[in-house]
Each structure stands twice: as C-alpha cells, then as structure tokens.
N, C-alpha and C. Protein backbone atom coordinates (compact mmCIF):
# COMPACT_ATOMS: atom_id res chain seq x y z
N MET A 1 137.57 39.61 90.82
CA MET A 1 136.65 40.56 91.41
C MET A 1 137.38 41.53 92.34
N LYS A 2 138.28 40.99 93.17
CA LYS A 2 139.03 41.83 94.09
C LYS A 2 139.91 42.82 93.34
N LYS A 3 140.47 42.37 92.20
CA LYS A 3 141.34 43.25 91.41
C LYS A 3 140.54 44.43 90.84
N LYS A 4 139.33 44.15 90.35
CA LYS A 4 138.48 45.22 89.82
C LYS A 4 138.09 46.21 90.93
N LEU A 5 137.74 45.69 92.10
CA LEU A 5 137.37 46.54 93.22
C LEU A 5 138.55 47.42 93.64
N PHE A 6 139.73 46.84 93.70
CA PHE A 6 140.94 47.60 94.05
C PHE A 6 141.19 48.71 93.03
N THR A 7 141.05 48.40 91.73
CA THR A 7 141.27 49.39 90.68
C THR A 7 140.27 50.54 90.80
N VAL A 8 139.02 50.21 91.07
CA VAL A 8 137.99 51.24 91.22
C VAL A 8 138.29 52.12 92.44
N LEU A 9 138.65 51.51 93.57
CA LEU A 9 138.96 52.28 94.78
C LEU A 9 140.20 53.14 94.60
N LEU A 10 141.21 52.61 93.92
CA LEU A 10 142.42 53.39 93.66
C LEU A 10 142.09 54.60 92.79
N GLY A 11 141.32 54.38 91.74
CA GLY A 11 140.92 55.49 90.87
C GLY A 11 140.11 56.53 91.61
N LEU A 12 139.21 56.09 92.47
CA LEU A 12 138.39 57.00 93.26
C LEU A 12 139.24 57.80 94.24
N SER A 13 140.24 57.16 94.86
CA SER A 13 141.10 57.88 95.81
C SER A 13 141.93 58.94 95.10
N VAL A 14 142.43 58.66 93.91
CA VAL A 14 143.17 59.65 93.14
C VAL A 14 142.26 60.82 92.79
N PHE A 15 141.04 60.53 92.38
CA PHE A 15 140.07 61.55 92.04
C PHE A 15 139.79 62.46 93.24
N LEU A 16 139.72 61.89 94.44
CA LEU A 16 139.43 62.68 95.63
C LEU A 16 140.64 63.47 96.11
N ILE A 17 141.83 62.99 95.86
CA ILE A 17 143.04 63.69 96.30
C ILE A 17 143.31 64.92 95.45
N ILE A 18 143.10 64.87 94.15
CA ILE A 18 143.42 65.98 93.25
C ILE A 18 142.67 67.26 93.63
N PRO A 19 141.34 67.22 93.86
CA PRO A 19 140.67 68.46 94.24
C PRO A 19 141.18 69.03 95.56
N THR A 20 141.60 68.18 96.49
CA THR A 20 142.13 68.65 97.76
C THR A 20 143.42 69.44 97.53
N ALA A 21 144.30 68.93 96.66
CA ALA A 21 145.55 69.64 96.37
C ALA A 21 145.25 70.99 95.72
N ASN A 22 144.30 71.01 94.79
CA ASN A 22 143.96 72.28 94.14
C ASN A 22 143.33 73.25 95.13
N ALA A 23 142.53 72.77 96.04
CA ALA A 23 141.92 73.63 97.05
C ALA A 23 143.00 74.25 97.92
N LYS A 24 144.02 73.47 98.26
CA LYS A 24 145.13 74.03 99.06
C LYS A 24 145.80 75.17 98.31
N ASN A 25 146.07 75.00 97.00
CA ASN A 25 146.66 76.07 96.21
C ASN A 25 145.77 77.30 96.20
N MET A 26 144.46 77.10 96.12
CA MET A 26 143.54 78.23 96.07
C MET A 26 143.60 79.02 97.38
N GLU A 27 143.85 78.34 98.51
CA GLU A 27 143.92 79.02 99.79
C GLU A 27 145.23 79.79 99.96
N THR A 28 146.34 79.23 99.46
CA THR A 28 147.64 79.79 99.76
C THR A 28 148.14 80.77 98.73
N GLY A 29 147.56 80.84 97.58
CA GLY A 29 148.03 81.71 96.52
C GLY A 29 149.07 81.01 95.67
N PHE A 30 149.15 81.43 94.42
CA PHE A 30 150.05 80.76 93.49
C PHE A 30 150.27 81.63 92.26
N VAL A 31 151.24 81.23 91.46
CA VAL A 31 151.55 81.89 90.19
C VAL A 31 150.99 81.04 89.06
N THR A 32 150.19 81.66 88.20
CA THR A 32 149.64 80.91 87.06
C THR A 32 150.50 81.04 85.81
N SER A 33 151.28 82.11 85.74
CA SER A 33 152.12 82.33 84.57
C SER A 33 153.33 83.15 84.98
N ASP A 34 154.50 82.75 84.49
CA ASP A 34 155.71 83.52 84.72
C ASP A 34 156.64 83.31 83.53
N GLN A 35 157.18 84.42 83.01
CA GLN A 35 158.04 84.28 81.84
C GLN A 35 158.85 85.53 81.59
N PHE A 36 159.99 85.30 80.91
CA PHE A 36 160.79 86.41 80.40
C PHE A 36 160.19 86.82 79.06
N THR A 37 160.16 88.11 78.79
CA THR A 37 159.59 88.61 77.55
C THR A 37 160.36 89.86 77.12
N SER A 38 160.27 90.16 75.84
CA SER A 38 160.94 91.36 75.34
C SER A 38 160.08 92.60 75.52
N GLU A 39 158.78 92.40 75.79
CA GLU A 39 157.89 93.56 75.89
C GLU A 39 156.57 93.15 76.55
N ILE A 40 155.95 94.10 77.23
CA ILE A 40 154.62 93.94 77.82
C ILE A 40 153.68 94.90 77.09
N VAL A 41 152.57 94.38 76.59
CA VAL A 41 151.55 95.21 75.93
C VAL A 41 150.20 94.86 76.55
N ASP A 42 149.46 95.86 76.96
CA ASP A 42 148.15 95.67 77.59
C ASP A 42 148.23 94.69 78.76
N ARG A 43 149.27 94.85 79.58
CA ARG A 43 149.48 94.04 80.78
C ARG A 43 149.70 92.56 80.49
N GLN A 44 150.16 92.25 79.27
CA GLN A 44 150.44 90.86 78.88
C GLN A 44 151.80 90.78 78.19
N PRO A 45 152.56 89.70 78.40
CA PRO A 45 153.82 89.52 77.67
C PRO A 45 153.55 89.24 76.19
N VAL A 46 154.40 89.77 75.31
CA VAL A 46 154.19 89.56 73.88
C VAL A 46 154.86 88.29 73.38
N ASN A 47 155.84 87.78 74.12
CA ASN A 47 156.52 86.54 73.71
C ASN A 47 157.14 85.91 74.95
N ASN A 48 157.73 84.75 74.75
CA ASN A 48 158.39 84.01 75.83
C ASN A 48 159.81 83.74 75.35
N ILE A 49 160.81 84.35 75.99
CA ILE A 49 162.18 84.22 75.52
C ILE A 49 163.02 83.43 76.52
N ASN A 50 164.01 82.70 75.99
CA ASN A 50 164.91 81.90 76.82
C ASN A 50 166.32 82.46 76.86
N SER A 51 166.62 83.37 75.93
CA SER A 51 167.94 84.00 75.91
C SER A 51 167.79 85.44 75.42
N VAL A 52 168.80 86.25 75.75
CA VAL A 52 168.79 87.66 75.38
C VAL A 52 170.23 88.09 75.15
N GLN A 53 170.42 89.06 74.27
CA GLN A 53 171.75 89.59 74.02
C GLN A 53 172.01 90.79 74.92
N ALA A 54 173.29 90.95 75.28
CA ALA A 54 173.68 92.15 76.03
C ALA A 54 173.31 93.37 75.22
N GLY A 55 172.89 94.43 75.89
CA GLY A 55 172.48 95.65 75.23
C GLY A 55 170.98 95.77 75.06
N GLN A 56 170.24 94.76 75.47
CA GLN A 56 168.78 94.80 75.35
C GLN A 56 168.14 94.96 76.73
N GLN A 57 166.85 95.26 76.71
CA GLN A 57 166.07 95.29 77.94
C GLN A 57 165.09 94.12 77.90
N ILE A 58 164.91 93.45 79.03
CA ILE A 58 163.93 92.37 79.12
C ILE A 58 163.01 92.63 80.30
N SER A 59 161.89 91.93 80.29
CA SER A 59 160.93 92.00 81.39
C SER A 59 160.68 90.60 81.91
N PHE A 60 160.35 90.52 83.20
CA PHE A 60 159.89 89.26 83.78
C PHE A 60 158.47 89.49 84.26
N PHE A 61 157.55 88.70 83.72
CA PHE A 61 156.11 88.85 83.96
C PHE A 61 155.63 87.75 84.89
N THR A 62 154.74 88.11 85.83
CA THR A 62 154.15 87.13 86.74
C THR A 62 152.66 87.42 86.89
N ASP A 63 151.85 86.38 86.76
CA ASP A 63 150.41 86.44 87.00
C ASP A 63 150.14 85.72 88.31
N ILE A 64 149.72 86.47 89.33
CA ILE A 64 149.59 85.95 90.69
C ILE A 64 148.11 85.82 91.04
N ARG A 65 147.76 84.73 91.74
CA ARG A 65 146.37 84.51 92.15
C ARG A 65 146.27 84.30 93.65
N ASN A 66 145.15 84.79 94.21
CA ASN A 66 144.76 84.54 95.60
C ASN A 66 145.80 85.03 96.62
N MET A 67 146.39 86.20 96.38
CA MET A 67 147.36 86.75 97.33
C MET A 67 147.07 88.21 97.66
N GLU A 68 145.82 88.61 97.49
CA GLU A 68 145.44 90.00 97.75
C GLU A 68 145.87 90.44 99.15
N GLY A 69 146.47 91.63 99.23
CA GLY A 69 146.91 92.19 100.49
C GLY A 69 148.32 91.77 100.91
N GLN A 70 148.93 90.86 100.17
CA GLN A 70 150.27 90.40 100.50
C GLN A 70 151.31 91.10 99.64
N THR A 71 152.57 90.88 99.95
CA THR A 71 153.67 91.45 99.19
C THR A 71 154.45 90.34 98.52
N VAL A 72 154.78 90.55 97.26
CA VAL A 72 155.55 89.59 96.47
C VAL A 72 156.79 90.32 95.96
N THR A 73 157.91 89.63 95.87
CA THR A 73 159.16 90.23 95.41
C THR A 73 159.70 89.47 94.20
N HIS A 74 160.15 90.23 93.20
CA HIS A 74 160.95 89.69 92.10
C HIS A 74 162.41 89.91 92.47
N ARG A 75 163.19 88.86 92.61
CA ARG A 75 164.62 88.96 92.91
C ARG A 75 165.39 88.45 91.70
N TRP A 76 166.19 89.32 91.08
CA TRP A 76 167.04 88.95 89.95
C TRP A 76 168.41 88.57 90.51
N ILE A 77 168.86 87.35 90.21
CA ILE A 77 170.08 86.79 90.78
C ILE A 77 171.03 86.39 89.66
N GLN A 78 172.31 86.74 89.82
CA GLN A 78 173.34 86.27 88.89
C GLN A 78 174.57 85.87 89.70
N GLU A 79 175.05 84.67 89.45
CA GLU A 79 176.22 84.12 90.16
C GLU A 79 176.07 84.24 91.67
N GLY A 80 174.86 83.97 92.17
CA GLY A 80 174.61 83.99 93.60
C GLY A 80 174.41 85.36 94.21
N GLU A 81 174.54 86.42 93.41
CA GLU A 81 174.40 87.79 93.90
C GLU A 81 173.08 88.39 93.41
N GLU A 82 172.38 89.09 94.29
CA GLU A 82 171.17 89.80 93.87
C GLU A 82 171.59 91.05 93.11
N ILE A 83 171.14 91.15 91.85
CA ILE A 83 171.51 92.31 91.04
C ILE A 83 170.36 93.31 90.93
N PHE A 84 169.16 92.90 91.31
CA PHE A 84 168.00 93.80 91.27
C PHE A 84 166.86 93.12 92.01
N SER A 85 166.04 93.91 92.70
CA SER A 85 164.82 93.35 93.28
C SER A 85 163.76 94.44 93.36
N MET A 86 162.52 94.00 93.32
CA MET A 86 161.40 94.94 93.44
C MET A 86 160.26 94.22 94.15
N GLN A 87 159.66 94.93 95.11
CA GLN A 87 158.50 94.41 95.83
C GLN A 87 157.22 94.96 95.23
N PHE A 88 156.17 94.13 95.28
CA PHE A 88 154.85 94.52 94.78
C PHE A 88 153.81 94.24 95.85
N HIS A 89 152.93 95.20 96.11
CA HIS A 89 151.77 94.97 96.95
C HIS A 89 150.68 94.40 96.05
N VAL A 90 150.19 93.22 96.37
CA VAL A 90 149.17 92.57 95.55
C VAL A 90 147.82 93.17 95.91
N GLY A 91 147.21 93.84 94.93
CA GLY A 91 146.00 94.60 95.19
C GLY A 91 144.70 93.93 94.77
N GLY A 92 144.76 92.67 94.34
CA GLY A 92 143.53 91.99 93.92
C GLY A 92 143.72 90.49 93.89
N ASN A 93 142.63 89.77 93.68
CA ASN A 93 142.66 88.31 93.63
C ASN A 93 143.51 87.80 92.46
N ARG A 94 143.47 88.52 91.34
CA ARG A 94 144.37 88.26 90.22
C ARG A 94 145.21 89.52 90.04
N TRP A 95 146.53 89.36 90.07
CA TRP A 95 147.40 90.53 90.00
C TRP A 95 148.55 90.21 89.06
N ARG A 96 148.72 91.05 88.04
CA ARG A 96 149.81 90.87 87.08
C ARG A 96 150.88 91.92 87.33
N VAL A 97 152.11 91.47 87.48
CA VAL A 97 153.23 92.38 87.74
C VAL A 97 154.41 91.99 86.86
N TRP A 98 155.30 92.97 86.66
CA TRP A 98 156.52 92.67 85.92
C TRP A 98 157.61 93.63 86.33
N THR A 99 158.83 93.17 86.13
CA THR A 99 160.00 94.02 86.34
C THR A 99 160.76 94.07 85.03
N ASN A 100 161.46 95.18 84.82
CA ASN A 100 162.29 95.38 83.62
C ASN A 100 163.75 95.46 84.04
N LYS A 101 164.62 94.94 83.19
CA LYS A 101 166.05 94.97 83.48
C LYS A 101 166.82 95.24 82.21
N ASN A 102 167.69 96.25 82.26
CA ASN A 102 168.63 96.47 81.16
C ASN A 102 169.74 95.44 81.29
N ILE A 103 170.11 94.83 80.18
CA ILE A 103 171.12 93.78 80.18
C ILE A 103 172.41 94.35 79.57
N TYR A 104 173.50 94.19 80.31
CA TYR A 104 174.79 94.75 79.91
C TYR A 104 175.79 93.63 79.62
N ASP A 105 176.96 94.02 79.10
CA ASP A 105 178.01 93.04 78.80
C ASP A 105 178.40 92.24 80.04
N TRP A 106 178.41 92.87 81.20
CA TRP A 106 178.82 92.17 82.42
C TRP A 106 177.74 91.22 82.94
N ASN A 107 176.58 91.18 82.27
CA ASN A 107 175.52 90.23 82.65
C ASN A 107 175.57 88.94 81.86
N ILE A 108 176.57 88.75 81.01
CA ILE A 108 176.65 87.52 80.20
C ILE A 108 176.71 86.32 81.13
N GLY A 109 175.88 85.34 80.82
CA GLY A 109 175.73 84.14 81.66
C GLY A 109 174.27 83.95 82.00
N ALA A 110 174.03 83.19 83.05
CA ALA A 110 172.66 82.90 83.47
C ALA A 110 172.18 83.92 84.50
N ILE A 111 170.94 84.38 84.32
CA ILE A 111 170.27 85.23 85.29
C ILE A 111 168.98 84.52 85.69
N GLN A 112 168.75 84.45 86.99
CA GLN A 112 167.56 83.80 87.52
C GLN A 112 166.68 84.84 88.18
N VAL A 113 165.37 84.71 87.99
CA VAL A 113 164.42 85.54 88.75
C VAL A 113 163.65 84.61 89.67
N ILE A 114 163.65 84.98 90.94
CA ILE A 114 162.92 84.24 91.96
C ILE A 114 161.75 85.11 92.41
N VAL A 115 160.55 84.56 92.41
CA VAL A 115 159.36 85.25 92.89
C VAL A 115 159.05 84.66 94.25
N GLU A 116 159.04 85.53 95.27
CA GLU A 116 158.85 85.01 96.61
C GLU A 116 157.91 85.86 97.44
N THR A 117 157.38 85.25 98.49
CA THR A 117 156.47 85.92 99.42
C THR A 117 157.27 86.70 100.46
N GLU A 118 156.56 87.45 101.29
CA GLU A 118 157.20 88.18 102.39
C GLU A 118 157.96 87.25 103.32
N GLU A 119 157.45 86.03 103.46
CA GLU A 119 158.06 85.05 104.36
C GLU A 119 159.26 84.35 103.71
N GLY A 120 159.51 84.64 102.43
CA GLY A 120 160.62 84.00 101.74
C GLY A 120 160.27 82.71 101.03
N ASP A 121 158.98 82.35 101.00
CA ASP A 121 158.55 81.16 100.27
C ASP A 121 158.64 81.44 98.77
N ILE A 122 159.21 80.52 98.03
CA ILE A 122 159.37 80.69 96.59
C ILE A 122 158.08 80.27 95.87
N LEU A 123 157.52 81.21 95.11
CA LEU A 123 156.32 80.95 94.32
C LEU A 123 156.69 80.43 92.93
N SER A 124 157.78 80.95 92.37
CA SER A 124 158.25 80.48 91.07
C SER A 124 159.68 80.96 90.87
N GLN A 125 160.35 80.36 89.90
CA GLN A 125 161.70 80.79 89.53
C GLN A 125 161.98 80.36 88.10
N LYS A 126 162.64 81.23 87.38
CA LYS A 126 162.99 80.98 85.97
C LYS A 126 164.39 81.51 85.72
N THR A 127 165.05 80.93 84.72
CA THR A 127 166.40 81.36 84.35
C THR A 127 166.43 81.72 82.88
N ILE A 128 167.20 82.77 82.56
CA ILE A 128 167.41 83.18 81.17
C ILE A 128 168.93 83.26 80.94
N ASN A 129 169.34 82.97 79.72
CA ASN A 129 170.74 83.05 79.37
C ASN A 129 171.02 84.35 78.62
N VAL A 130 172.04 85.08 79.10
CA VAL A 130 172.49 86.31 78.44
C VAL A 130 173.68 85.95 77.58
N ILE A 131 173.57 86.26 76.28
CA ILE A 131 174.64 85.93 75.33
C ILE A 131 175.25 87.21 74.76
N GLU A 132 176.45 87.06 74.19
CA GLU A 132 177.13 88.24 73.59
C GLU A 132 176.41 88.72 72.36
C-alpha cells in the first residue's frame, strides 16, 4: 500500500513540476526553432542543413517567443573569433529573424551561431560544418 501511495505522489509531483518549468519559460522568453538553411521563403526556412560548401550563402533562422521589446543578437563565431553579428529588436510576442552569410574558402571548418539576449544570456546555439 505504501509503495502504491509513493508512486502516485511521485507521479503527481512530476506532473506539478512540469507546468511550473514551462511557465518560467513563458515569462522569460525562448527560442522555439533555430536552424541553418539554404533559403528563407515566406519568413520560413526551406530546409535544415548541417554542412555547406565554400562559395555558397546560408541563413540562420530563429523563431523567438515572449521577448517583445527586447534585443536579440545572432553572433557567428569561427575558431573563437566573431566573424559576423547582427542585432534584432523584437517587435512582437512571436518574432522570426534570420541572418545571411556568404561562405568563403577561408571559412572551411566549423561555424557556430549563438543567439543571445542584451544581457549575454544564450538562448540557443548551433554549429554548421563548411566543407571544400
């Protein structure tokens, strides 16, 4: 009997904790989608790519929620150096933004994009491999 009661209480506590965590995310803002893509059409990425060849252009897409009035930055990093960055003023409860980057021979290797708040908090980060 005690084992069944413990199992029920444990399940109930997990059920109560999950909505609290989601409520916290709803208050602080978050990224629902982030990806590298070869193209944006109608404010949506057309594909999700993990590698790109030198000589192409790529985009990094981010769908941001609950950050209206704040500023978000896309920082493109390679070998510890920032190679490009762009700030966005978030103008609504749901805000889709993207940056484009031409990829050159000297970009071969890993490139990371970090999405961060004005305070420097990281909302998301992804890496793409540049190949010859």
